[in-house]
PDB file of N, CA and C in Angstrom:
ATOM      1  N   MET A   1       5.814   2.234  -4.115  1.00  0.00           N
ATOM      2  CA  MET A   1       6.593   3.290  -4.719  1.00  0.00           C
ATOM      3  C   MET A   1       5.728   4.063  -5.729  1.00  0.00           C
ATOM      4  N   LEU A   2       4.927   3.319  -6.508  1.00  0.00           N
ATOM      5  CA  LEU A   2       4.053   3.988  -7.473  1.00  0.00           C
ATOM      6  C   LEU A   2       2.970   4.800  -6.772  1.00  0.00           C
ATOM      7  N   ARG A   3       2.486   4.299  -5.638  1.00  0.00           N
ATOM      8  CA  ARG A   3       1.453   5.034  -4.901  1.00  0.00           C
ATOM      9  C   ARG A   3       2.007   6.371  -4.404  1.00  0.00           C
ATOM     10  N   LYS A   4       3.219   6.343  -3.864  1.00  0.00           N
ATOM     11  CA  LYS A   4       3.831   7.590  -3.387  1.00  0.00           C
ATOM     12  C   LYS A   4       4.028   8.570  -4.535  1.00  0.00           C
ATOM     13  N   ARG A   5       4.473   8.049  -5.668  1.00  0.00           N
ATOM     14  CA  ARG A   5       4.690   8.914  -6.832  1.00  0.00           C
ATOM     15  C   ARG A   5       3.372   9.512  -7.318  1.00  0.00           C
ATOM     16  N   THR A   6       2.323   8.692  -7.347  1.00  0.00           N
ATOM     17  CA  THR A   6       1.010   9.166  -7.789  1.00  0.00           C
ATOM     18  C   THR A   6       0.470  10.219  -6.831  1.00  0.00           C
ATOM     19  N   ASN A   7       0.616   9.984  -5.537  1.00  0.00           N
ATOM     20  CA  ASN A   7       0.154  10.975  -4.564  1.00  0.00           C
ATOM     21  C   ASN A   7       0.925  12.286  -4.677  1.00  0.00           C
ATOM     22  N   ALA A   8       2.222  12.196  -4.945  1.00  0.00           N
ATOM     23  CA  ALA A   8       3.035  13.405  -5.119  1.00  0.00           C
ATOM     24  C   ALA A   8       2.584  14.180  -6.352  1.00  0.00           C
ATOM     25  N   LEU A   9       2.298  13.471  -7.440  1.00  0.00           N
ATOM     26  CA  LEU A   9       1.811  14.136  -8.655  1.00  0.00           C
ATOM     27  C   LEU A   9       0.461  14.804  -8.404  1.00  0.00           C
ATOM     28  N   ARG A  10      -0.367  14.158  -7.645  1.00  0.00           N
ATOM     29  CA  ARG A  10      -1.688  14.720  -7.321  1.00  0.00           C
ATOM     30  C   ARG A  10      -1.541  16.004  -6.498  1.00  0.00           C
ATOM     31  N   ARG A  11      -0.672  15.957  -5.493  1.00  0.00           N
ATOM     32  CA  ARG A  11      -0.470  17.145  -4.663  1.00  0.00           C
ATOM     33  C   ARG A  11       0.082  18.313  -5.488  1.00  0.00           C
ATOM     34  N   ARG A  12       1.035  18.028  -6.376  1.00  0.00           N
ATOM     35  CA  ARG A  12       1.579  19.086  -7.228  1.00  0.00           C
ATOM     36  C   ARG A  12       0.496  19.702  -8.105  1.00  0.00           C
ATOM     37  N   TYR A  13      -0.337  18.839  -8.670  1.00  0.00           N
ATOM     38  CA  TYR A  13      -1.424  19.319  -9.525  1.00  0.00           C
ATOM     39  C   TYR A  13      -2.406  20.182  -8.728  1.00  0.00           C
ATOM     40  N   GLN A  14      -2.777  19.749  -7.555  1.00  0.00           N
ATOM     41  CA  GLN A  14      -3.773  20.476  -6.774  1.00  0.00           C
ATOM     42  C   GLN A  14      -3.237  21.805  -6.237  1.00  0.00           C
ATOM     43  N   ARG A  15      -1.950  21.902  -5.985  1.00  0.00           N
ATOM     44  CA  ARG A  15      -1.379  23.117  -5.415  1.00  0.00           C
ATOM     45  C   ARG A  15      -1.010  24.165  -6.460  1.00  0.00           C
ATOM     46  N   THR A  16      -1.053  23.806  -7.718  1.00  0.00           N
ATOM     47  CA  THR A  16      -0.742  24.758  -8.772  1.00  0.00           C
ATOM     48  C   THR A  16      -2.009  25.541  -9.092  1.00  0.00           C
ATOM     49  N   THR A  17      -2.021  26.831  -8.748  1.00  0.00           N
ATOM     50  CA  THR A  17      -3.225  27.645  -8.964  1.00  0.00           C
ATOM     51  C   THR A  17      -2.970  28.860  -9.837  1.00  0.00           C
ATOM     52  N   ASN A  18      -1.747  29.370  -9.867  1.00  0.00           N
ATOM     53  CA  ASN A  18      -1.485  30.631 -10.563  1.00  0.00           C
ATOM     54  C   ASN A  18      -1.276  30.461 -12.066  1.00  0.00           C
ATOM     55  N   ASN A  19      -0.555  29.465 -12.476  1.00  0.00           N
ATOM     56  CA  ASN A  19      -0.177  29.284 -13.861  1.00  0.00           C
ATOM     57  C   ASN A  19      -1.067  28.204 -14.496  1.00  0.00           C
ATOM     58  N   GLU A  20      -1.936  28.605 -15.406  1.00  0.00           N
ATOM     59  CA  GLU A  20      -2.891  27.661 -16.009  1.00  0.00           C
ATOM     60  C   GLU A  20      -2.195  26.632 -16.912  1.00  0.00           C
ATOM     61  N   TYR A  21      -1.158  27.056 -17.622  1.00  0.00           N
ATOM     62  CA  TYR A  21      -0.411  26.130 -18.479  1.00  0.00           C
ATOM     63  C   TYR A  21       0.268  25.046 -17.642  1.00  0.00           C
ATOM     64  N   LEU A  22       0.926  25.460 -16.559  1.00  0.00           N
ATOM     65  CA  LEU A  22       1.598  24.510 -15.674  1.00  0.00           C
ATOM     66  C   LEU A  22       0.590  23.591 -14.998  1.00  0.00           C
ATOM     67  N   ARG A  23      -0.566  24.129 -14.636  1.00  0.00           N
ATOM     68  CA  ARG A  23      -1.610  23.318 -14.004  1.00  0.00           C
ATOM     69  C   ARG A  23      -2.091  22.230 -14.962  1.00  0.00           C
ATOM     70  N   GLN A  24      -2.291  22.588 -16.219  1.00  0.00           N
ATOM     71  CA  GLN A  24      -2.743  21.603 -17.209  1.00  0.00           C
ATOM     72  C   GLN A  24      -1.686  20.524 -17.434  1.00  0.00           C
ATOM     73  N   GLU A  25      -0.423  20.931 -17.476  1.00  0.00           N
ATOM     74  CA  GLU A  25       0.667  19.973 -17.658  1.00  0.00           C
ATOM     75  C   GLU A  25       0.741  19.006 -16.477  1.00  0.00           C
ATOM     76  N   ARG A  26       0.633  19.521 -15.267  1.00  0.00           N
ATOM     77  CA  ARG A  26       0.679  18.675 -14.081  1.00  0.00           C
ATOM     78  C   ARG A  26      -0.557  17.786 -13.968  1.00  0.00           C
ATOM     79  N   LYS A  27      -1.691  18.282 -14.462  1.00  0.00           N
ATOM     80  CA  LYS A  27      -2.902  17.461 -14.474  1.00  0.00           C
ATOM     81  C   LYS A  27      -2.710  16.250 -15.374  1.00  0.00           C
ATOM     82  N   GLU A  28      -2.137  16.471 -16.544  1.00  0.00           N
ATOM     83  CA  GLU A  28      -1.883  15.361 -17.466  1.00  0.00           C
ATOM     84  C   GLU A  28      -0.882  14.372 -16.866  1.00  0.00           C
ATOM     85  N   ASN A  29       0.163  14.897 -16.222  1.00  0.00           N
ATOM     86  CA  ASN A  29       1.135  14.021 -15.560  1.00  0.00           C
ATOM     87  C   ASN A  29       0.476  13.179 -14.476  1.00  0.00           C
ATOM     88  N   TYR A  30      -0.398  13.812 -13.701  1.00  0.00           N
ATOM     89  CA  TYR A  30      -1.091  13.097 -12.633  1.00  0.00           C
ATOM     90  C   TYR A  30      -1.978  11.994 -13.190  1.00  0.00           C
ATOM     91  N   PHE A  31      -2.760  12.295 -14.218  1.00  0.00           N
ATOM     92  CA  PHE A  31      -3.662  11.287 -14.770  1.00  0.00           C
ATOM     93  C   PHE A  31      -2.889  10.144 -15.439  1.00  0.00           C
ATOM     94  N   ASP A  32      -1.761  10.466 -16.066  1.00  0.00           N
ATOM     95  CA  ASP A  32      -0.912   9.410 -16.634  1.00  0.00           C
ATOM     96  C   ASP A  32      -0.352   8.516 -15.522  1.00  0.00           C
ATOM     97  N   GLY A  33       0.141   9.142 -14.456  1.00  0.00           N
ATOM     98  CA  GLY A  33       0.682   8.382 -13.321  1.00  0.00           C
ATOM     99  C   GLY A  33      -0.383   7.552 -12.634  1.00  0.00           C
ATOM    100  N   ARG A  34      -1.577   8.106 -12.519  1.00  0.00           N
ATOM    101  CA  ARG A  34      -2.668   7.377 -11.870  1.00  0.00           C
ATOM    102  C   ARG A  34      -3.090   6.173 -12.690  1.00  0.00           C
ATOM    103  N   SER A  35      -3.163   6.324 -14.004  1.00  0.00           N
ATOM    104  CA  SER A  35      -3.549   5.192 -14.840  1.00  0.00           C
ATOM    105  C   SER A  35      -2.480   4.097 -14.803  1.00  0.00           C
ATOM    106  N   GLU A  36      -1.214   4.493 -14.756  1.00  0.00           N
ATOM    107  CA  GLU A  36      -0.139   3.513 -14.636  1.00  0.00           C
ATOM    108  C   GLU A  36      -0.244   2.765 -13.312  1.00  0.00           C
ATOM    109  N   TYR A  37      -0.503   3.497 -12.233  1.00  0.00           N
ATOM    110  CA  TYR A  37      -0.635   2.902 -10.902  1.00  0.00           C
ATOM    111  C   TYR A  37      -1.821   1.944 -10.844  1.00  0.00           C
ATOM    112  N   GLU A  38      -2.968   2.345 -11.373  1.00  0.00           N
ATOM    113  CA  GLU A  38      -4.148   1.491 -11.352  1.00  0.00           C
ATOM    114  C   GLU A  38      -3.942   0.237 -12.197  1.00  0.00           C
ATOM    115  N   GLY A  39      -3.284   0.378 -13.327  1.00  0.00           N
ATOM    116  CA  GLY A  39      -2.989  -0.783 -14.159  1.00  0.00           C
ATOM    117  C   GLY A  39      -2.078  -1.771 -13.459  1.00  0.00           C
ATOM    118  N   LYS A  40      -1.062  -1.244 -12.797  1.00  0.00           N
ATOM    119  CA  LYS A  40      -0.131  -2.108 -12.062  1.00  0.00           C
ATOM    120  C   LYS A  40      -0.841  -2.798 -10.902  1.00  0.00           C
ATOM    121  N   MET A  41      -1.760  -2.093 -10.238  1.00  0.00           N
ATOM    122  CA  MET A  41      -2.520  -2.693  -9.140  1.00  0.00           C
ATOM    123  C   MET A  41      -3.380  -3.844  -9.649  1.00  0.00           C
ATOM    124  N   GLN A  42      -4.069  -3.651 -10.764  1.00  0.00           N
ATOM    125  CA  GLN A  42      -4.908  -4.705 -11.323  1.00  0.00           C
ATOM    126  C   GLN A  42      -4.061  -5.918 -11.714  1.00  0.00           C
ATOM    127  N   GLU A  43      -2.924  -5.654 -12.311  1.00  0.00           N
ATOM    128  CA  GLU A  43      -2.023  -6.730 -12.717  1.00  0.00           C
ATOM    129  C   GLU A  43      -1.529  -7.516 -11.503  1.00  0.00           C
ATOM    130  N   THR A  44      -1.161  -6.811 -10.445  1.00  0.00           N
ATOM    131  CA  THR A  44      -0.655  -7.446  -9.238  1.00  0.00           C
ATOM    132  C   THR A  44      -1.739  -8.251  -8.538  1.00  0.00           C
ATOM    133  N   LYS A  45      -2.950  -7.702  -8.480  1.00  0.00           N
ATOM    134  CA  LYS A  45      -4.058  -8.422  -7.850  1.00  0.00           C
ATOM    135  C   LYS A  45      -4.371  -9.708  -8.599  1.00  0.00           C
ATOM    136  N   LEU A  46      -4.394  -9.641  -9.913  1.00  0.00           N
ATOM    137  CA  LEU A  46      -4.679 -10.820 -10.710  1.00  0.00           C
ATOM    138  C   LEU A  46      -3.581 -11.872 -10.539  1.00  0.00           C
ATOM    139  N   LYS A  47      -2.340 -11.427 -10.521  1.00  0.00           N
ATOM    140  CA  LYS A  47      -1.215 -12.349 -10.332  1.00  0.00           C
ATOM    141  C   LYS A  47      -1.300 -13.015  -8.965  1.00  0.00           C
ATOM    142  N   SER A  48      -1.641 -12.250  -7.938  1.00  0.00           N
ATOM    143  CA  SER A  48      -1.779 -12.795  -6.590  1.00  0.00           C
ATOM    144  C   SER A  48      -2.909 -13.811  -6.526  1.00  0.00           C
ATOM    145  N   TRP A  49      -4.025 -13.504  -7.165  1.00  0.00           N
ATOM    146  CA  TRP A  49      -5.166 -14.414  -7.166  1.00  0.00           C
ATOM    147  C   TRP A  49      -4.819 -15.719  -7.885  1.00  0.00           C
ATOM    148  N   LYS A  50      -4.131 -15.627  -9.012  1.00  0.00           N
ATOM    149  CA  LYS A  50      -3.742 -16.827  -9.741  1.00  0.00           C
ATOM    150  C   LYS A  50      -2.772 -17.674  -8.920  1.00  0.00           C
ATOM    151  N   THR A  51      -1.857 -17.038  -8.222  1.00  0.00           N
ATOM    152  CA  THR A  51      -0.923 -17.755  -7.365  1.00  0.00           C
ATOM    153  C   THR A  51      -1.676 -18.459  -6.240  1.00  0.00           C
ATOM    154  N   PHE A  52      -2.635 -17.778  -5.643  1.00  0.00           N
ATOM    155  CA  PHE A  52      -3.427 -18.364  -4.575  1.00  0.00           C
ATOM    156  C   PHE A  52      -4.187 -19.585  -5.072  1.00  0.00           C
ATOM    157  N   CYS A  53      -4.794 -19.476  -6.225  1.00  0.00           N
ATOM    158  CA  CYS A  53      -5.562 -20.592  -6.776  1.00  0.00           C
ATOM    159  C   CYS A  53      -4.662 -21.760  -7.159  1.00  0.00           C
ATOM    160  N   ARG A  54      -3.465 -21.481  -7.624  1.00  0.00           N
ATOM    161  CA  ARG A  54      -2.549 -22.536  -8.033  1.00  0.00           C
ATOM    162  C   ARG A  54      -1.961 -23.258  -6.824  1.00  0.00           C
ATOM    163  N   ILE A  55      -1.651 -22.528  -5.772  1.00  0.00           N
ATOM    164  CA  ILE A  55      -1.025 -23.114  -4.590  1.00  0.00           C
ATOM    165  C   ILE A  55      -2.036 -23.876  -3.740  1.00  0.00           C
ATOM    166  N   ASN A  56      -3.281 -23.485  -3.790  1.00  0.00           N
ATOM    167  CA  ASN A  56      -4.313 -24.093  -2.962  1.00  0.00           C
ATOM    168  C   ASN A  56      -4.343 -25.605  -3.194  1.00  0.00           C
ATOM    169  N   ASP A  57      -4.089 -26.346  -2.120  1.00  0.00           N
ATOM    170  CA  ASP A  57      -4.039 -27.800  -2.264  1.00  0.00           C
ATOM    171  C   ASP A  57      -5.371 -28.417  -1.845  1.00  0.00           C
ATOM    172  N   GLY A  58      -5.520 -29.695  -2.099  1.00  0.00           N
ATOM    173  CA  GLY A  58      -6.742 -30.403  -1.747  1.00  0.00           C
ATOM    174  C   GLY A  58      -7.507 -30.797  -2.990  1.00  0.00           C
ATOM    175  N   VAL A  59      -8.561 -31.571  -2.775  1.00  0.00           N
ATOM    176  CA  VAL A  59      -9.364 -32.062  -3.885  1.00  0.00           C
ATOM    177  C   VAL A  59     -10.209 -30.949  -4.490  1.00  0.00           C
ATOM    178  N   ASN A  60     -10.843 -30.163  -3.648  1.00  0.00           N
ATOM    179  CA  ASN A  60     -11.709 -29.087  -4.118  1.00  0.00           C
ATOM    180  C   ASN A  60     -10.973 -27.761  -3.982  1.00  0.00           C
ATOM    181  N   PRO A  61     -10.516 -27.165  -5.067  1.00  0.00           N
ATOM    182  CA  PRO A  61      -9.757 -25.915  -4.950  1.00  0.00           C
ATOM    183  C   PRO A  61     -10.602 -24.741  -4.490  1.00  0.00           C
ATOM    184  N   ARG A  62     -11.922 -24.820  -4.615  1.00  0.00           N
ATOM    185  CA  ARG A  62     -12.775 -23.717  -4.201  1.00  0.00           C
ATOM    186  C   ARG A  62     -13.089 -23.754  -2.707  1.00  0.00           C
ATOM    187  N   ASN A  63     -12.734 -24.836  -2.042  1.00  0.00           N
ATOM    188  CA  ASN A  63     -13.066 -25.007  -0.643  1.00  0.00           C
ATOM    189  C   ASN A  63     -12.522 -23.863   0.215  1.00  0.00           C
ATOM    190  N   THR A  64     -11.263 -23.538   0.054  1.00  0.00           N
ATOM    191  CA  THR A  64     -10.655 -22.467   0.839  1.00  0.00           C
ATOM    192  C   THR A  64     -11.259 -21.121   0.487  1.00  0.00           C
ATOM    193  N   MET A  65     -11.557 -20.899  -0.794  1.00  0.00           N
ATOM    194  CA  MET A  65     -12.144 -19.623  -1.197  1.00  0.00           C
ATOM    195  C   MET A  65     -13.500 -19.406  -0.534  1.00  0.00           C
ATOM    196  N   TYR A  66     -14.318 -20.445  -0.497  1.00  0.00           N
ATOM    197  CA  TYR A  66     -15.632 -20.324   0.127  1.00  0.00           C
ATOM    198  C   TYR A  66     -15.522 -20.095   1.627  1.00  0.00           C
ATOM    199  N   LYS A  67     -14.570 -20.746   2.258  1.00  0.00           N
ATOM    200  CA  LYS A  67     -14.383 -20.542   3.692  1.00  0.00           C
ATOM    201  C   LYS A  67     -13.949 -19.109   3.994  1.00  0.00           C
ATOM    202  N   ILE A  68     -13.072 -18.581   3.178  1.00  0.00           N
ATOM    203  CA  ILE A  68     -12.623 -17.198   3.379  1.00  0.00           C
ATOM    204  C   ILE A  68     -13.774 -16.232   3.141  1.00  0.00           C
ATOM    205  N   ALA A  69     -14.531 -16.450   2.074  1.00  0.00           N
ATOM    206  CA  ALA A  69     -15.632 -15.547   1.739  1.00  0.00           C
ATOM    207  C   ALA A  69     -16.735 -15.578   2.794  1.00  0.00           C
ATOM    208  N   SER A  70     -16.983 -16.735   3.383  1.00  0.00           N
ATOM    209  CA  SER A  70     -18.055 -16.829   4.372  1.00  0.00           C
ATOM    210  C   SER A  70     -17.577 -16.504   5.772  1.00  0.00           C
ATOM    211  N   GLY A  71     -16.290 -16.282   5.945  1.00  0.00           N
ATOM    212  CA  GLY A  71     -15.758 -15.915   7.252  1.00  0.00           C
ATOM    213  C   GLY A  71     -15.632 -17.101   8.190  1.00  0.00           C
ATOM    214  N   LYS A  72     -15.488 -18.306   7.656  1.00  0.00           N
ATOM    215  CA  LYS A  72     -15.424 -19.503   8.483  1.00  0.00           C
ATOM    216  C   LYS A  72     -14.003 -19.989   8.727  1.00  0.00           C
ATOM    217  N   THR A  73     -13.033 -19.178   8.431  1.00  0.00           N
ATOM    218  CA  THR A  73     -11.665 -19.594   8.702  1.00  0.00           C
ATOM    219  C   THR A  73     -11.371 -19.353  10.168  1.00  0.00           C
ATOM    220  N   ARG A  74     -10.639 -20.260  10.756  1.00  0.00           N
ATOM    221  CA  ARG A  74     -10.300 -20.148  12.169  1.00  0.00           C
ATOM    222  C   ARG A  74      -8.794 -20.009  12.314  1.00  0.00           C
ATOM    223  N   THR A  75      -8.434 -19.217  13.269  1.00  0.00           N
ATOM    224  CA  THR A  75      -7.013 -19.072  13.565  1.00  0.00           C
ATOM    225  C   THR A  75      -6.752 -19.700  14.923  1.00  0.00           C
ATOM    226  N   THR A  76      -5.676 -20.423  15.028  1.00  0.00           N
ATOM    227  CA  THR A  76      -5.328 -21.043  16.303  1.00  0.00           C
ATOM    228  C   THR A  76      -4.469 -20.080  17.089  1.00  0.00           C
ATOM    229  N   SER A  77      -4.877 -19.850  18.314  1.00  0.00           N
ATOM    230  CA  SER A  77      -4.105 -18.926  19.141  1.00  0.00           C
ATOM    231  C   SER A  77      -3.595 -19.621  20.395  1.00  0.00           C
ATOM    232  N   GLY A  78      -3.603 -20.939  20.394  1.00  0.00           N
ATOM    233  CA  GLY A  78      -3.127 -21.684  21.550  1.00  0.00           C
ATOM    234  C   GLY A  78      -1.619 -21.667  21.639  1.00  0.00           C
ATOM    235  N   LEU A  79      -1.136 -21.751  22.864  1.00  0.00           N
ATOM    236  CA  LEU A  79       0.308 -21.784  23.077  1.00  0.00           C
ATOM    237  C   LEU A  79       0.818 -23.194  22.852  1.00  0.00           C
ATOM    238  N   THR A  80       1.987 -23.291  22.319  1.00  0.00           N
ATOM    239  CA  THR A  80       2.615 -24.588  22.121  1.00  0.00           C
ATOM    240  C   THR A  80       3.839 -24.680  23.002  1.00  0.00           C
ATOM    241  N   THR A  81       4.277 -25.888  23.226  1.00  0.00           N
ATOM    242  CA  THR A  81       5.483 -26.065  24.026  1.00  0.00           C
ATOM    243  C   THR A  81       6.694 -26.052  23.111  1.00  0.00           C
ATOM    244  N   PRO A  82       7.774 -25.418  23.541  1.00  0.00           N
ATOM    245  CA  PRO A  82       8.976 -25.340  22.702  1.00  0.00           C
ATOM    246  C   PRO A  82       9.681 -26.698  22.602  1.00  0.00           C
ATOM    247  N   GLU A  83      10.320 -26.894  21.476  1.00  0.00           N
ATOM    248  CA  GLU A  83      11.080 -28.120  21.265  1.00  0.00           C
ATOM    249  C   GLU A  83      12.520 -27.882  21.680  1.00  0.00           C
ATOM    250  N   GLU A  84      13.056 -28.822  22.438  1.00  0.00           N
ATOM    251  CA  GLU A  84      14.433 -28.701  22.895  1.00  0.00           C
ATOM    252  C   GLU A  84      15.383 -29.197  21.808  1.00  0.00           C
ATOM    253  N   GLU A  85      16.667 -29.021  22.026  1.00  0.00           N
ATOM    254  CA  GLU A  85      17.664 -29.398  21.040  1.00  0.00           C
ATOM    255  C   GLU A  85      17.710 -30.891  20.780  1.00  0.00           C
ATOM    256  N   ASP A  86      17.376 -31.711  21.802  1.00  0.00           N
ATOM    257  CA  ASP A  86      17.430 -33.151  21.635  1.00  0.00           C
ATOM    258  C   ASP A  86      16.164 -33.721  20.981  1.00  0.00           C
ATOM    259  N   GLY A  87      15.219 -32.868  20.608  1.00  0.00           N
ATOM    260  CA  GLY A  87      14.012 -33.317  19.915  1.00  0.00           C
ATOM    261  C   GLY A  87      12.819 -33.529  20.831  1.00  0.00           C
ATOM    262  N   LYS A  88      13.002 -33.447  22.135  1.00  0.00           N
ATOM    263  CA  LYS A  88      11.896 -33.609  23.074  1.00  0.00           C
ATOM    264  C   LYS A  88      11.200 -32.266  23.280  1.00  0.00           C
ATOM    265  N   TYR A  89       9.943 -32.337  23.665  1.00  0.00           N
ATOM    266  CA  TYR A  89       9.186 -31.127  23.943  1.00  0.00           C
ATOM    267  C   TYR A  89       9.161 -30.859  25.438  1.00  0.00           C
ATOM    268  N   THR A  90       9.149 -29.594  25.794  1.00  0.00           N
ATOM    269  CA  THR A  90       9.105 -29.237  27.207  1.00  0.00           C
ATOM    270  C   THR A  90       7.708 -29.494  27.762  1.00  0.00           C
ATOM    271  N   THR A  91       7.606 -29.602  29.071  1.00  0.00           N
ATOM    272  CA  THR A  91       6.310 -29.886  29.694  1.00  0.00           C
ATOM    273  C   THR A  91       5.517 -28.620  29.959  1.00  0.00           C
ATOM    274  N   ASP A  92       6.159 -27.470  29.971  1.00  0.00           N
ATOM    275  CA  ASP A  92       5.437 -26.208  30.152  1.00  0.00           C
ATOM    276  C   ASP A  92       6.135 -25.107  29.344  1.00  0.00           C
ATOM    277  N   THR A  93       5.486 -23.958  29.282  1.00  0.00           N
ATOM    278  CA  THR A  93       6.053 -22.880  28.494  1.00  0.00           C
ATOM    279  C   THR A  93       7.207 -22.215  29.208  1.00  0.00           C
TER     280      THR A  93
END
């Protein structure tokens, strides 16, 4: 929502060409909105990183971070068999 608002303020500022007073006012509005947006982004990124570090289980909390950074994470794309209502698994998909 803040990104859309910031982009709208930017477009208004850039399209104002005739009135110098209005252009200056919209420029200030845009820069205020942009600084608010950037601050909120930094806050959200830090909060997300702290949550990731706190939730990360295992003995070595840096283990997952290093795997992600080095690109060694693997995703499983194999098909599994569905579980039936009685708790048994089907023999094919």
